[in-house]
Amino acid sequence: MVPCETYLVQPGWFDIFFPTNFELLQQVYNVVCRASAAANGLGKSQVWSQRNFALQNADLPKTSTRSGENPMLEFYENNKFLLS
């Protein structure tokens, strides 16, 4: 994995993920959905890291490489998921 300082890199060589403040997004989401969620008995949203999401939901043997590395656990440290 090669961290880059800009999105202006060679097309097709890098995955580009746009910066998102997931904690703020979660707060906004909870405020917007509060009335609907309360009426339906639903809980609040959660923000999970890539690693925690993969540990909970991925079929890890299928995401491991032949060398034993697991990109789903070892890469994308800055990715997060907003679950609702």
PDB file of N, CA and C in Angstrom:
ATOM      1  N   MET A   1       0.846  -1.176   0.000  1.00  0.00           N
ATOM      2  CA  MET A   1       0.000   0.000   0.000  1.00  0.00           C
ATOM      3  C   MET A   1       0.885   1.229   0.000  1.00  0.00           C
ATOM      4  N   VAL A   2       0.581   2.156  -0.883  1.00  0.00           N
ATOM      5  CA  VAL A   2       1.374   3.368  -1.017  1.00  0.00           C
ATOM      6  C   VAL A   2       0.492   4.564  -0.693  1.00  0.00           C
ATOM      7  N   PRO A   3       0.685   5.216   0.450  1.00  0.00           N
ATOM      8  CA  PRO A   3      -0.102   6.409   0.750  1.00  0.00           C
ATOM      9  C   PRO A   3       0.272   7.544  -0.193  1.00  0.00           C
ATOM     10  N   CYS A   4      -0.708   8.290  -0.638  1.00  0.00           N
ATOM     11  CA  CYS A   4      -0.479   9.415  -1.549  1.00  0.00           C
ATOM     12  C   CYS A   4      -1.006  10.691  -0.917  1.00  0.00           C
ATOM     13  N   GLU A   5      -0.363  11.772  -1.242  1.00  0.00           N
ATOM     14  CA  GLU A   5      -0.755  13.073  -0.700  1.00  0.00           C
ATOM     15  C   GLU A   5      -1.808  13.769  -1.561  1.00  0.00           C
ATOM     16  N   THR A   6      -2.046  13.283  -2.771  1.00  0.00           N
ATOM     17  CA  THR A   6      -2.973  13.933  -3.687  1.00  0.00           C
ATOM     18  C   THR A   6      -3.763  12.880  -4.455  1.00  0.00           C
ATOM     19  N   TYR A   7      -4.909  13.267  -4.954  1.00  0.00           N
ATOM     20  CA  TYR A   7      -5.694  12.375  -5.793  1.00  0.00           C
ATOM     21  C   TYR A   7      -5.239  12.450  -7.248  1.00  0.00           C
ATOM     22  N   LEU A   8      -4.328  13.363  -7.563  1.00  0.00           N
ATOM     23  CA  LEU A   8      -3.848  13.541  -8.929  1.00  0.00           C
ATOM     24  C   LEU A   8      -2.720  12.553  -9.224  1.00  0.00           C
ATOM     25  N   VAL A   9      -3.034  11.280  -9.247  1.00  0.00           N
ATOM     26  CA  VAL A   9      -2.064  10.223  -9.500  1.00  0.00           C
ATOM     27  C   VAL A   9      -2.428   9.524 -10.809  1.00  0.00           C
ATOM     28  N   GLN A  10      -1.563   8.643 -11.256  1.00  0.00           N
ATOM     29  CA  GLN A  10      -1.787   7.917 -12.504  1.00  0.00           C
ATOM     30  C   GLN A  10      -3.114   7.149 -12.436  1.00  0.00           C
ATOM     31  N   PRO A  11      -4.051   7.440 -13.357  1.00  0.00           N
ATOM     32  CA  PRO A  11      -5.338   6.740 -13.341  1.00  0.00           C
ATOM     33  C   PRO A  11      -5.159   5.223 -13.449  1.00  0.00           C
ATOM     34  N   GLY A  12      -5.914   4.496 -12.641  1.00  0.00           N
ATOM     35  CA  GLY A  12      -5.883   3.047 -12.675  1.00  0.00           C
ATOM     36  C   GLY A  12      -4.849   2.404 -11.770  1.00  0.00           C
ATOM     37  N   TRP A  13      -4.000   3.200 -11.151  1.00  0.00           N
ATOM     38  CA  TRP A  13      -2.933   2.649 -10.314  1.00  0.00           C
ATOM     39  C   TRP A  13      -3.262   2.705  -8.829  1.00  0.00           C
ATOM     40  N   PHE A  14      -4.209   3.512  -8.444  1.00  0.00           N
ATOM     41  CA  PHE A  14      -4.502   3.715  -7.028  1.00  0.00           C
ATOM     42  C   PHE A  14      -6.007   3.719  -6.806  1.00  0.00           C
ATOM     43  N   ASP A  15      -6.409   3.250  -5.635  1.00  0.00           N
ATOM     44  CA  ASP A  15      -7.792   3.411  -5.203  1.00  0.00           C
ATOM     45  C   ASP A  15      -7.891   4.763  -4.522  1.00  0.00           C
ATOM     46  N   ILE A  16      -8.873   5.551  -4.905  1.00  0.00           N
ATOM     47  CA  ILE A  16      -9.043   6.883  -4.330  1.00  0.00           C
ATOM     48  C   ILE A  16     -10.244   6.841  -3.387  1.00  0.00           C
ATOM     49  N   PHE A  17     -10.009   7.166  -2.148  1.00  0.00           N
ATOM     50  CA  PHE A  17     -11.074   7.251  -1.153  1.00  0.00           C
ATOM     51  C   PHE A  17     -11.145   8.696  -0.678  1.00  0.00           C
ATOM     52  N   PHE A  18     -12.324   9.264  -0.710  1.00  0.00           N
ATOM     53  CA  PHE A  18     -12.474  10.656  -0.343  1.00  0.00           C
ATOM     54  C   PHE A  18     -12.588  10.791   1.170  1.00  0.00           C
ATOM     55  N   PRO A  19     -11.930  11.795   1.722  1.00  0.00           N
ATOM     56  CA  PRO A  19     -11.954  11.965   3.176  1.00  0.00           C
ATOM     57  C   PRO A  19     -13.367  12.296   3.662  1.00  0.00           C
ATOM     58  N   THR A  20     -13.788  11.588   4.662  1.00  0.00           N
ATOM     59  CA  THR A  20     -15.101  11.796   5.258  1.00  0.00           C
ATOM     60  C   THR A  20     -14.956  11.735   6.768  1.00  0.00           C
ATOM     61  N   ASN A  21     -15.531  12.693   7.438  1.00  0.00           N
ATOM     62  CA  ASN A  21     -15.545  12.683   8.894  1.00  0.00           C
ATOM     63  C   ASN A  21     -16.741  11.829   9.321  1.00  0.00           C
ATOM     64  N   PHE A  22     -16.501  10.541   9.529  1.00  0.00           N
ATOM     65  CA  PHE A  22     -17.589   9.619   9.820  1.00  0.00           C
ATOM     66  C   PHE A  22     -18.247   9.888  11.163  1.00  0.00           C
ATOM     67  N   GLU A  23     -17.502  10.390  12.120  1.00  0.00           N
ATOM     68  CA  GLU A  23     -18.098  10.694  13.415  1.00  0.00           C
ATOM     69  C   GLU A  23     -19.105  11.839  13.280  1.00  0.00           C
ATOM     70  N   LEU A  24     -18.758  12.875  12.510  1.00  0.00           N
ATOM     71  CA  LEU A  24     -19.692  13.976  12.267  1.00  0.00           C
ATOM     72  C   LEU A  24     -20.868  13.500  11.414  1.00  0.00           C
ATOM     73  N   LEU A  25     -20.585  12.706  10.399  1.00  0.00           N
ATOM     74  CA  LEU A  25     -21.650  12.153   9.563  1.00  0.00           C
ATOM     75  C   LEU A  25     -22.633  11.343  10.403  1.00  0.00           C
ATOM     76  N   GLN A  26     -22.128  10.580  11.344  1.00  0.00           N
ATOM     77  CA  GLN A  26     -22.979   9.790  12.231  1.00  0.00           C
ATOM     78  C   GLN A  26     -23.880  10.692  13.067  1.00  0.00           C
ATOM     79  N   GLN A  27     -23.325  11.766  13.602  1.00  0.00           N
ATOM     80  CA  GLN A  27     -24.125  12.687  14.408  1.00  0.00           C
ATOM     81  C   GLN A  27     -25.239  13.310  13.580  1.00  0.00           C
ATOM     82  N   VAL A  28     -24.911  13.752  12.379  1.00  0.00           N
ATOM     83  CA  VAL A  28     -25.914  14.358  11.496  1.00  0.00           C
ATOM     84  C   VAL A  28     -26.979  13.326  11.130  1.00  0.00           C
ATOM     85  N   TYR A  29     -26.537  12.142  10.783  1.00  0.00           N
ATOM     86  CA  TYR A  29     -27.470  11.066  10.426  1.00  0.00           C
ATOM     87  C   TYR A  29     -28.428  10.775  11.578  1.00  0.00           C
ATOM     88  N   ASN A  30     -27.893  10.692  12.789  1.00  0.00           N
ATOM     89  CA  ASN A  30     -28.737  10.403  13.951  1.00  0.00           C
ATOM     90  C   ASN A  30     -29.763  11.496  14.194  1.00  0.00           C
ATOM     91  N   VAL A  31     -29.386  12.750  14.005  1.00  0.00           N
ATOM     92  CA  VAL A  31     -30.333  13.855  14.188  1.00  0.00           C
ATOM     93  C   VAL A  31     -31.422  13.795  13.127  1.00  0.00           C
ATOM     94  N   VAL A  32     -31.032  13.565  11.876  1.00  0.00           N
ATOM     95  CA  VAL A  32     -32.003  13.521  10.782  1.00  0.00           C
ATOM     96  C   VAL A  32     -32.978  12.356  10.960  1.00  0.00           C
ATOM     97  N   CYS A  33     -32.480  11.233  11.427  1.00  0.00           N
ATOM     98  CA  CYS A  33     -33.302  10.024  11.531  1.00  0.00           C
ATOM     99  C   CYS A  33     -33.917   9.808  12.907  1.00  0.00           C
ATOM    100  N   ARG A  34     -33.691  10.704  13.834  1.00  0.00           N
ATOM    101  CA  ARG A  34     -34.107  10.484  15.223  1.00  0.00           C
ATOM    102  C   ARG A  34     -35.598  10.175  15.351  1.00  0.00           C
ATOM    103  N   ALA A  35     -36.459  10.985  14.775  1.00  0.00           N
ATOM    104  CA  ALA A  35     -37.904  10.792  14.936  1.00  0.00           C
ATOM    105  C   ALA A  35     -38.342   9.472  14.317  1.00  0.00           C
ATOM    106  N   SER A  36     -37.854   9.188  13.139  1.00  0.00           N
ATOM    107  CA  SER A  36     -38.224   7.951  12.457  1.00  0.00           C
ATOM    108  C   SER A  36     -37.706   6.732  13.205  1.00  0.00           C
ATOM    109  N   ALA A  37     -36.470   6.801  13.675  1.00  0.00           N
ATOM    110  CA  ALA A  37     -35.869   5.671  14.389  1.00  0.00           C
ATOM    111  C   ALA A  37     -36.592   5.407  15.700  1.00  0.00           C
ATOM    112  N   ALA A  38     -36.949   6.462  16.417  1.00  0.00           N
ATOM    113  CA  ALA A  38     -37.643   6.296  17.695  1.00  0.00           C
ATOM    114  C   ALA A  38     -39.017   5.664  17.475  1.00  0.00           C
ATOM    115  N   ALA A  39     -39.690   6.086  16.421  1.00  0.00           N
ATOM    116  CA  ALA A  39     -41.015   5.548  16.130  1.00  0.00           C
ATOM    117  C   ALA A  39     -40.953   4.067  15.761  1.00  0.00           C
ATOM    118  N   ASN A  40     -39.860   3.661  15.143  1.00  0.00           N
ATOM    119  CA  ASN A  40     -39.715   2.266  14.711  1.00  0.00           C
ATOM    120  C   ASN A  40     -38.949   1.410  15.707  1.00  0.00           C
ATOM    121  N   GLY A  41     -38.539   1.992  16.824  1.00  0.00           N
ATOM    122  CA  GLY A  41     -37.806   1.243  17.833  1.00  0.00           C
ATOM    123  C   GLY A  41     -36.393   0.866  17.416  1.00  0.00           C
ATOM    124  N   LEU A  42     -35.815   1.627  16.529  1.00  0.00           N
ATOM    125  CA  LEU A  42     -34.470   1.327  16.041  1.00  0.00           C
ATOM    126  C   LEU A  42     -33.417   2.042  16.871  1.00  0.00           C
ATOM    127  N   GLY A  43     -32.251   1.464  16.955  1.00  0.00           N
ATOM    128  CA  GLY A  43     -31.147   2.072  17.688  1.00  0.00           C
ATOM    129  C   GLY A  43     -30.398   3.081  16.840  1.00  0.00           C
ATOM    130  N   LYS A  44     -29.372   3.642  17.437  1.00  0.00           N
ATOM    131  CA  LYS A  44     -28.554   4.619  16.725  1.00  0.00           C
ATOM    132  C   LYS A  44     -27.605   3.927  15.763  1.00  0.00           C
ATOM    133  N   SER A  45     -27.078   4.716  14.862  1.00  0.00           N
ATOM    134  CA  SER A  45     -26.101   4.205  13.910  1.00  0.00           C
ATOM    135  C   SER A  45     -24.769   3.952  14.604  1.00  0.00           C
ATOM    136  N   GLN A  46     -23.893   3.239  13.908  1.00  0.00           N
ATOM    137  CA  GLN A  46     -22.564   2.924  14.429  1.00  0.00           C
ATOM    138  C   GLN A  46     -21.525   3.193  13.352  1.00  0.00           C
ATOM    139  N   VAL A  47     -20.335   3.601  13.772  1.00  0.00           N
ATOM    140  CA  VAL A  47     -19.203   3.753  12.864  1.00  0.00           C
ATOM    141  C   VAL A  47     -18.214   2.644  13.193  1.00  0.00           C
ATOM    142  N   TRP A  48     -17.885   1.852  12.186  1.00  0.00           N
ATOM    143  CA  TRP A  48     -16.942   0.746  12.355  1.00  0.00           C
ATOM    144  C   TRP A  48     -15.724   0.964  11.476  1.00  0.00           C
ATOM    145  N   SER A  49     -14.576   0.571  11.968  1.00  0.00           N
ATOM    146  CA  SER A  49     -13.360   0.602  11.151  1.00  0.00           C
ATOM    147  C   SER A  49     -13.427  -0.537  10.131  1.00  0.00           C
ATOM    148  N   GLN A  50     -12.615  -0.427   9.092  1.00  0.00           N
ATOM    149  CA  GLN A  50     -12.516  -1.487   8.088  1.00  0.00           C
ATOM    150  C   GLN A  50     -12.198  -2.826   8.751  1.00  0.00           C
ATOM    151  N   ARG A  51     -11.222  -2.816   9.648  1.00  0.00           N
ATOM    152  CA  ARG A  51     -10.784  -4.053  10.313  1.00  0.00           C
ATOM    153  C   ARG A  51     -11.918  -4.683  11.126  1.00  0.00           C
ATOM    154  N   ASN A  52     -12.596  -3.880  11.942  1.00  0.00           N
ATOM    155  CA  ASN A  52     -13.687  -4.414  12.763  1.00  0.00           C
ATOM    156  C   ASN A  52     -14.839  -4.931  11.910  1.00  0.00           C
ATOM    157  N   PHE A  53     -15.138  -4.208  10.831  1.00  0.00           N
ATOM    158  CA  PHE A  53     -16.202  -4.648   9.929  1.00  0.00           C
ATOM    159  C   PHE A  53     -15.842  -5.988   9.295  1.00  0.00           C
ATOM    160  N   ALA A  54     -14.593  -6.119   8.842  1.00  0.00           N
ATOM    161  CA  ALA A  54     -14.154  -7.371   8.220  1.00  0.00           C
ATOM    162  C   ALA A  54     -14.139  -8.512   9.232  1.00  0.00           C
ATOM    163  N   LEU A  55     -13.660  -8.240  10.433  1.00  0.00           N
ATOM    164  CA  LEU A  55     -13.635  -9.287  11.458  1.00  0.00           C
ATOM    165  C   LEU A  55     -15.038  -9.802  11.761  1.00  0.00           C
ATOM    166  N   GLN A  56     -16.012  -8.924  11.711  1.00  0.00           N
ATOM    167  CA  GLN A  56     -17.387  -9.299  12.035  1.00  0.00           C
ATOM    168  C   GLN A  56     -18.118  -9.924  10.844  1.00  0.00           C
ATOM    169  N   ASN A  57     -17.818  -9.478   9.608  1.00  0.00           N
ATOM    170  CA  ASN A  57     -18.669  -9.827   8.473  1.00  0.00           C
ATOM    171  C   ASN A  57     -17.998 -10.573   7.329  1.00  0.00           C
ATOM    172  N   ALA A  58     -16.689 -10.541   7.238  1.00  0.00           N
ATOM    173  CA  ALA A  58     -16.013 -11.148   6.085  1.00  0.00           C
ATOM    174  C   ALA A  58     -15.741 -12.629   6.308  1.00  0.00           C
ATOM    175  N   ASP A  59     -15.640 -13.351   5.221  1.00  0.00           N
ATOM    176  CA  ASP A  59     -15.171 -14.737   5.250  1.00  0.00           C
ATOM    177  C   ASP A  59     -13.655 -14.660   5.125  1.00  0.00           C
ATOM    178  N   LEU A  60     -12.976 -14.499   6.250  1.00  0.00           N
ATOM    179  CA  LEU A  60     -11.548 -14.166   6.263  1.00  0.00           C
ATOM    180  C   LEU A  60     -10.653 -15.160   5.531  1.00  0.00           C
ATOM    181  N   PRO A  61     -10.901 -16.447   5.584  1.00  0.00           N
ATOM    182  CA  PRO A  61     -10.053 -17.341   4.788  1.00  0.00           C
ATOM    183  C   PRO A  61     -10.123 -17.038   3.287  1.00  0.00           C
ATOM    184  N   LYS A  62     -11.250 -16.525   2.827  1.00  0.00           N
ATOM    185  CA  LYS A  62     -11.393 -16.205   1.406  1.00  0.00           C
ATOM    186  C   LYS A  62     -10.778 -14.859   1.044  1.00  0.00           C
ATOM    187  N   THR A  63     -10.433 -14.047   2.031  1.00  0.00           N
ATOM    188  CA  THR A  63      -9.811 -12.752   1.738  1.00  0.00           C
ATOM    189  C   THR A  63      -8.320 -12.752   2.033  1.00  0.00           C
ATOM    190  N   SER A  64      -7.781 -13.903   2.400  1.00  0.00           N
ATOM    191  CA  SER A  64      -6.340 -14.017   2.674  1.00  0.00           C
ATOM    192  C   SER A  64      -5.588 -14.376   1.396  1.00  0.00           C
ATOM    193  N   THR A  65      -4.353 -13.900   1.306  1.00  0.00           N
ATOM    194  CA  THR A  65      -3.505 -14.229   0.163  1.00  0.00           C
ATOM    195  C   THR A  65      -2.751 -15.528   0.435  1.00  0.00           C
ATOM    196  N   ARG A  66      -2.063 -16.017  -0.567  1.00  0.00           N
ATOM    197  CA  ARG A  66      -1.294 -17.254  -0.400  1.00  0.00           C
ATOM    198  C   ARG A  66      -0.198 -17.109   0.639  1.00  0.00           C
ATOM    199  N   SER A  67       0.315 -15.893   0.787  1.00  0.00           N
ATOM    200  CA  SER A  67       1.384 -15.668   1.769  1.00  0.00           C
ATOM    201  C   SER A  67       0.842 -15.564   3.194  1.00  0.00           C
ATOM    202  N   GLY A  68      -0.486 -15.554   3.335  1.00  0.00           N
ATOM    203  CA  GLY A  68      -1.093 -15.457   4.652  1.00  0.00           C
ATOM    204  C   GLY A  68      -1.518 -14.048   5.026  1.00  0.00           C
ATOM    205  N   GLU A  69      -1.144 -13.074   4.217  1.00  0.00           N
ATOM    206  CA  GLU A  69      -1.589 -11.702   4.484  1.00  0.00           C
ATOM    207  C   GLU A  69      -3.080 -11.595   4.207  1.00  0.00           C
ATOM    208  N   ASN A  70      -3.713 -10.660   4.873  1.00  0.00           N
ATOM    209  CA  ASN A  70      -5.122 -10.419   4.632  1.00  0.00           C
ATOM    210  C   ASN A  70      -5.330  -8.926   4.399  1.00  0.00           C
ATOM    211  N   PRO A  71      -5.454  -8.524   3.125  1.00  0.00           N
ATOM    212  CA  PRO A  71      -5.619  -7.101   2.813  1.00  0.00           C
ATOM    213  C   PRO A  71      -6.831  -6.466   3.488  1.00  0.00           C
ATOM    214  N   MET A  72      -7.876  -7.253   3.719  1.00  0.00           N
ATOM    215  CA  MET A  72      -9.073  -6.702   4.354  1.00  0.00           C
ATOM    216  C   MET A  72      -8.809  -6.292   5.794  1.00  0.00           C
ATOM    217  N   LEU A  73      -7.816  -6.911   6.420  1.00  0.00           N
ATOM    218  CA  LEU A  73      -7.482  -6.581   7.804  1.00  0.00           C
ATOM    219  C   LEU A  73      -6.276  -5.663   7.904  1.00  0.00           C
ATOM    220  N   GLU A  74      -5.348  -5.781   6.966  1.00  0.00           N
ATOM    221  CA  GLU A  74      -4.071  -5.087   7.083  1.00  0.00           C
ATOM    222  C   GLU A  74      -4.007  -3.776   6.305  1.00  0.00           C
ATOM    223  N   PHE A  75      -4.801  -3.644   5.260  1.00  0.00           N
ATOM    224  CA  PHE A  75      -4.798  -2.422   4.464  1.00  0.00           C
ATOM    225  C   PHE A  75      -6.055  -1.613   4.780  1.00  0.00           C
ATOM    226  N   TYR A  76      -6.143  -0.467   4.178  1.00  0.00           N
ATOM    227  CA  TYR A  76      -7.329   0.389   4.296  1.00  0.00           C
ATOM    228  C   TYR A  76      -7.632   0.759   5.740  1.00  0.00           C
ATOM    229  N   GLU A  77      -6.586   1.049   6.499  1.00  0.00           N
ATOM    230  CA  GLU A  77      -6.762   1.392   7.912  1.00  0.00           C
ATOM    231  C   GLU A  77      -7.631   2.624   8.117  1.00  0.00           C
ATOM    232  N   ASN A  78      -7.657   3.507   7.123  1.00  0.00           N
ATOM    233  CA  ASN A  78      -8.421   4.742   7.290  1.00  0.00           C
ATOM    234  C   ASN A  78      -9.852   4.627   6.762  1.00  0.00           C
ATOM    235  N   ASN A  79     -10.268   3.460   6.286  1.00  0.00           N
ATOM    236  CA  ASN A  79     -11.644   3.276   5.832  1.00  0.00           C
ATOM    237  C   ASN A  79     -12.559   3.010   7.018  1.00  0.00           C
ATOM    238  N   LYS A  80     -13.775   3.513   6.902  1.00  0.00           N
ATOM    239  CA  LYS A  80     -14.780   3.286   7.938  1.00  0.00           C
ATOM    240  C   LYS A  80     -16.117   3.016   7.275  1.00  0.00           C
ATOM    241  N   PHE A  81     -17.031   2.457   8.045  1.00  0.00           N
ATOM    242  CA  PHE A  81     -18.383   2.167   7.592  1.00  0.00           C
ATOM    243  C   PHE A  81     -19.368   2.823   8.548  1.00  0.00           C
ATOM    244  N   LEU A  82     -20.415   3.419   7.995  1.00  0.00           N
ATOM    245  CA  LEU A  82     -21.523   3.935   8.796  1.00  0.00           C
ATOM    246  C   LEU A  82     -22.649   2.920   8.680  1.00  0.00           C
ATOM    247  N   LEU A  83     -22.973   2.279   9.783  1.00  0.00           N
ATOM    248  CA  LEU A  83     -24.019   1.258   9.807  1.00  0.00           C
ATOM    249  C   LEU A  83     -25.249   1.816  10.499  1.00  0.00           C
ATOM    250  N   SER A  84     -26.394   1.556   9.899  1.00  0.00           N
ATOM    251  CA  SER A  84     -27.634   2.051  10.505  1.00  0.00           C
ATOM    252  C   SER A  84     -28.692   0.972  10.507  1.00  0.00           C
TER     253      SER A  84
END
